[in-house]
Amino acid sequence: MNIFICESRPEQLLFCKKTLTNLSGKHGVHASFQTFPSGEALLFEAEDSYTTLDLVYLDIHMPGVNGLETAKRL
């Protein structure tokens, strides 16, 4: 499973990645993660990853393009 995590706060990003890693391990699902500090960074990378992307975890409140706008653009 290919997962994108978009979170503007570094400590929260690490927490989300750790939680998702634990959940995937608990259920026997191999997961790989890419992390992004902003919606803009995620949207730039997502252009080349649509066919392999399985899950996107979005922070709602971010500077610049927020999570809801990022989701609309995806």
N, C-alpha and C. Protein backbone atom coordinates (compact mmCIF):
# COMPACT_ATOMS: atom_id res chain seq x y z
N MET A 1 0.85 -1.17 0.00
CA MET A 1 0.00 0.00 0.00
C MET A 1 0.90 1.23 0.00
N ASN A 2 0.65 2.14 -0.91
CA ASN A 2 1.41 3.39 -0.99
C ASN A 2 0.59 4.52 -0.38
N ILE A 3 1.16 5.15 0.65
CA ILE A 3 0.45 6.16 1.43
C ILE A 3 1.20 7.48 1.38
N PHE A 4 0.48 8.56 1.10
CA PHE A 4 1.01 9.92 1.19
C PHE A 4 0.48 10.52 2.49
N ILE A 5 1.37 11.14 3.25
CA ILE A 5 0.98 11.86 4.46
C ILE A 5 1.37 13.32 4.26
N CYS A 6 0.40 14.19 4.35
CA CYS A 6 0.64 15.62 4.18
C CYS A 6 0.29 16.31 5.50
N GLU A 7 1.31 16.81 6.19
CA GLU A 7 1.14 17.42 7.51
C GLU A 7 2.16 18.53 7.66
N SER A 8 1.72 19.71 8.02
CA SER A 8 2.61 20.87 8.12
C SER A 8 3.44 20.89 9.40
N ARG A 9 3.01 20.19 10.45
CA ARG A 9 3.76 20.17 11.71
C ARG A 9 4.59 18.89 11.79
N PRO A 10 5.93 19.03 11.85
CA PRO A 10 6.80 17.84 11.84
C PRO A 10 6.49 16.80 12.91
N GLU A 11 6.19 17.24 14.12
CA GLU A 11 5.90 16.28 15.19
C GLU A 11 4.61 15.51 14.92
N GLN A 12 3.64 16.16 14.34
CA GLN A 12 2.37 15.50 14.00
C GLN A 12 2.56 14.55 12.82
N LEU A 13 3.41 14.93 11.88
CA LEU A 13 3.70 14.08 10.74
C LEU A 13 4.34 12.77 11.21
N LEU A 14 5.30 12.86 12.12
CA LEU A 14 5.94 11.66 12.66
C LEU A 14 4.95 10.79 13.42
N PHE A 15 4.06 11.42 14.18
CA PHE A 15 3.03 10.68 14.91
C PHE A 15 2.11 9.92 13.95
N CYS A 16 1.67 10.59 12.89
CA CYS A 16 0.78 9.95 11.90
C CYS A 16 1.48 8.78 11.22
N LYS A 17 2.73 8.99 10.83
CA LYS A 17 3.48 7.92 10.16
C LYS A 17 3.66 6.72 11.09
N LYS A 18 3.99 6.98 12.35
CA LYS A 18 4.16 5.90 13.33
C LYS A 18 2.85 5.15 13.55
N THR A 19 1.76 5.87 13.68
CA THR A 19 0.45 5.25 13.89
C THR A 19 0.05 4.39 12.70
N LEU A 20 0.22 4.92 11.49
CA LEU A 20 -0.14 4.16 10.29
C LEU A 20 0.79 2.96 10.09
N THR A 21 2.05 3.10 10.47
CA THR A 21 3.00 1.98 10.39
C THR A 21 2.56 0.87 11.35
N ASN A 22 2.20 1.24 12.56
CA ASN A 22 1.75 0.25 13.54
C ASN A 22 0.47 -0.45 13.09
N LEU A 23 -0.47 0.30 12.55
CA LEU A 23 -1.73 -0.29 12.08
C LEU A 23 -1.50 -1.24 10.90
N SER A 24 -0.67 -0.83 9.98
CA SER A 24 -0.42 -1.69 8.82
C SER A 24 0.29 -2.97 9.26
N GLY A 25 1.24 -2.86 10.19
CA GLY A 25 1.92 -4.04 10.69
C GLY A 25 1.00 -4.97 11.44
N LYS A 26 0.12 -4.39 12.24
CA LYS A 26 -0.85 -5.18 13.01
C LYS A 26 -1.76 -6.00 12.11
N HIS A 27 -2.07 -5.46 10.94
CA HIS A 27 -2.99 -6.13 10.02
C HIS A 27 -2.27 -6.84 8.86
N GLY A 28 -0.94 -6.89 8.94
CA GLY A 28 -0.17 -7.61 7.94
C GLY A 28 -0.18 -6.98 6.56
N VAL A 29 -0.27 -5.67 6.52
CA VAL A 29 -0.29 -4.95 5.24
C VAL A 29 1.05 -4.23 5.07
N HIS A 30 1.73 -4.52 3.98
CA HIS A 30 2.98 -3.79 3.70
C HIS A 30 2.60 -2.38 3.25
N ALA A 31 3.22 -1.39 3.89
CA ALA A 31 2.93 0.00 3.54
C ALA A 31 4.23 0.76 3.32
N SER A 32 4.24 1.60 2.30
CA SER A 32 5.35 2.52 2.09
C SER A 32 4.77 3.93 2.17
N PHE A 33 5.56 4.83 2.69
CA PHE A 33 5.09 6.19 2.97
C PHE A 33 5.93 7.22 2.26
N GLN A 34 5.26 8.27 1.80
CA GLN A 34 5.91 9.48 1.36
C GLN A 34 5.28 10.59 2.18
N THR A 35 6.11 11.48 2.70
CA THR A 35 5.60 12.56 3.54
C THR A 35 5.84 13.91 2.88
N PHE A 36 4.92 14.83 3.16
CA PHE A 36 4.96 16.16 2.54
C PHE A 36 4.61 17.21 3.58
N PRO A 37 5.33 18.35 3.58
CA PRO A 37 5.07 19.41 4.55
C PRO A 37 3.97 20.39 4.10
N SER A 38 3.51 20.24 2.86
CA SER A 38 2.50 21.19 2.35
C SER A 38 1.66 20.55 1.26
N GLY A 39 0.50 21.14 1.04
CA GLY A 39 -0.36 20.68 -0.04
C GLY A 39 0.28 20.86 -1.40
N GLU A 40 1.01 21.96 -1.55
CA GLU A 40 1.69 22.21 -2.82
C GLU A 40 2.70 21.11 -3.15
N ALA A 41 3.47 20.70 -2.15
CA ALA A 41 4.48 19.65 -2.35
C ALA A 41 3.81 18.33 -2.72
N LEU A 42 2.72 18.01 -2.05
CA LEU A 42 2.00 16.77 -2.36
C LEU A 42 1.44 16.81 -3.77
N LEU A 43 0.82 17.91 -4.15
CA LEU A 43 0.23 18.01 -5.49
C LEU A 43 1.29 17.89 -6.58
N PHE A 44 2.46 18.46 -6.34
CA PHE A 44 3.54 18.36 -7.32
C PHE A 44 3.95 16.91 -7.51
N GLU A 45 4.13 16.18 -6.42
CA GLU A 45 4.56 14.79 -6.48
C GLU A 45 3.44 13.88 -6.99
N ALA A 46 2.21 14.18 -6.66
CA ALA A 46 1.08 13.30 -7.01
C ALA A 46 0.87 13.21 -8.52
N GLU A 47 1.30 14.20 -9.26
CA GLU A 47 1.12 14.17 -10.72
C GLU A 47 1.70 12.91 -11.33
N ASP A 48 2.79 12.42 -10.77
CA ASP A 48 3.46 11.23 -11.31
C ASP A 48 3.11 9.96 -10.55
N SER A 49 2.22 10.05 -9.56
CA SER A 49 1.98 8.90 -8.68
C SER A 49 0.53 8.42 -8.63
N TYR A 50 -0.34 8.96 -9.45
CA TYR A 50 -1.75 8.59 -9.37
C TYR A 50 -1.98 7.08 -9.50
N THR A 51 -1.24 6.43 -10.34
CA THR A 51 -1.48 5.00 -10.59
C THR A 51 -1.01 4.12 -9.45
N THR A 52 -0.12 4.61 -8.58
CA THR A 52 0.39 3.78 -7.49
C THR A 52 -0.08 4.24 -6.12
N LEU A 53 -0.81 5.32 -6.04
CA LEU A 53 -1.24 5.90 -4.77
C LEU A 53 -2.50 5.20 -4.26
N ASP A 54 -2.45 4.75 -2.99
CA ASP A 54 -3.59 4.05 -2.41
C ASP A 54 -4.33 4.87 -1.35
N LEU A 55 -3.60 5.68 -0.59
CA LEU A 55 -4.22 6.40 0.52
C LEU A 55 -3.52 7.74 0.70
N VAL A 56 -4.31 8.79 0.98
CA VAL A 56 -3.76 10.11 1.26
C VAL A 56 -4.30 10.56 2.61
N TYR A 57 -3.38 10.89 3.52
CA TYR A 57 -3.75 11.44 4.83
C TYR A 57 -3.43 12.93 4.77
N LEU A 58 -4.43 13.78 4.91
CA LEU A 58 -4.26 15.23 4.75
C LEU A 58 -4.52 16.00 6.03
N ASP A 59 -3.60 16.86 6.37
CA ASP A 59 -3.81 17.87 7.40
C ASP A 59 -4.81 18.87 6.82
N ILE A 60 -5.78 19.29 7.58
CA ILE A 60 -6.77 20.24 7.08
C ILE A 60 -6.24 21.67 7.14
N HIS A 61 -5.64 22.05 8.27
CA HIS A 61 -5.17 23.42 8.47
C HIS A 61 -3.68 23.51 8.18
N MET A 62 -3.35 24.03 6.98
CA MET A 62 -1.96 24.22 6.58
C MET A 62 -1.83 25.59 5.95
N PRO A 63 -0.64 26.18 6.05
CA PRO A 63 -0.41 27.43 5.33
C PRO A 63 -0.45 27.18 3.82
N GLY A 64 -0.82 28.17 3.07
CA GLY A 64 -0.91 27.99 1.62
C GLY A 64 -2.14 27.19 1.27
N VAL A 65 -1.96 26.17 0.46
CA VAL A 65 -3.08 25.32 0.05
C VAL A 65 -3.44 24.40 1.22
N ASN A 66 -4.65 24.55 1.76
CA ASN A 66 -5.04 23.71 2.91
C ASN A 66 -5.44 22.31 2.44
N GLY A 67 -5.72 21.44 3.39
CA GLY A 67 -6.04 20.05 3.07
C GLY A 67 -7.28 19.89 2.23
N LEU A 68 -8.29 20.68 2.46
CA LEU A 68 -9.53 20.56 1.68
C LEU A 68 -9.30 20.97 0.22
N GLU A 69 -8.55 22.04 0.03
CA GLU A 69 -8.23 22.47 -1.33
C GLU A 69 -7.32 21.44 -2.03
N THR A 70 -6.40 20.88 -1.28
CA THR A 70 -5.54 19.84 -1.83
C THR A 70 -6.38 18.65 -2.30
N ALA A 71 -7.34 18.25 -1.48
CA ALA A 71 -8.22 17.12 -1.84
C ALA A 71 -9.02 17.44 -3.10
N LYS A 72 -9.53 18.65 -3.20
CA LYS A 72 -10.29 19.04 -4.40
C LYS A 72 -9.42 18.96 -5.64
N ARG A 73 -8.17 19.39 -5.52
CA ARG A 73 -7.27 19.40 -6.68
C ARG A 73 -6.84 17.98 -7.08
N LEU A 74 -6.78 17.09 -6.08
CA LEU A 74 -6.44 15.71 -6.42
C LEU A 74 -7.51 15.10 -7.27
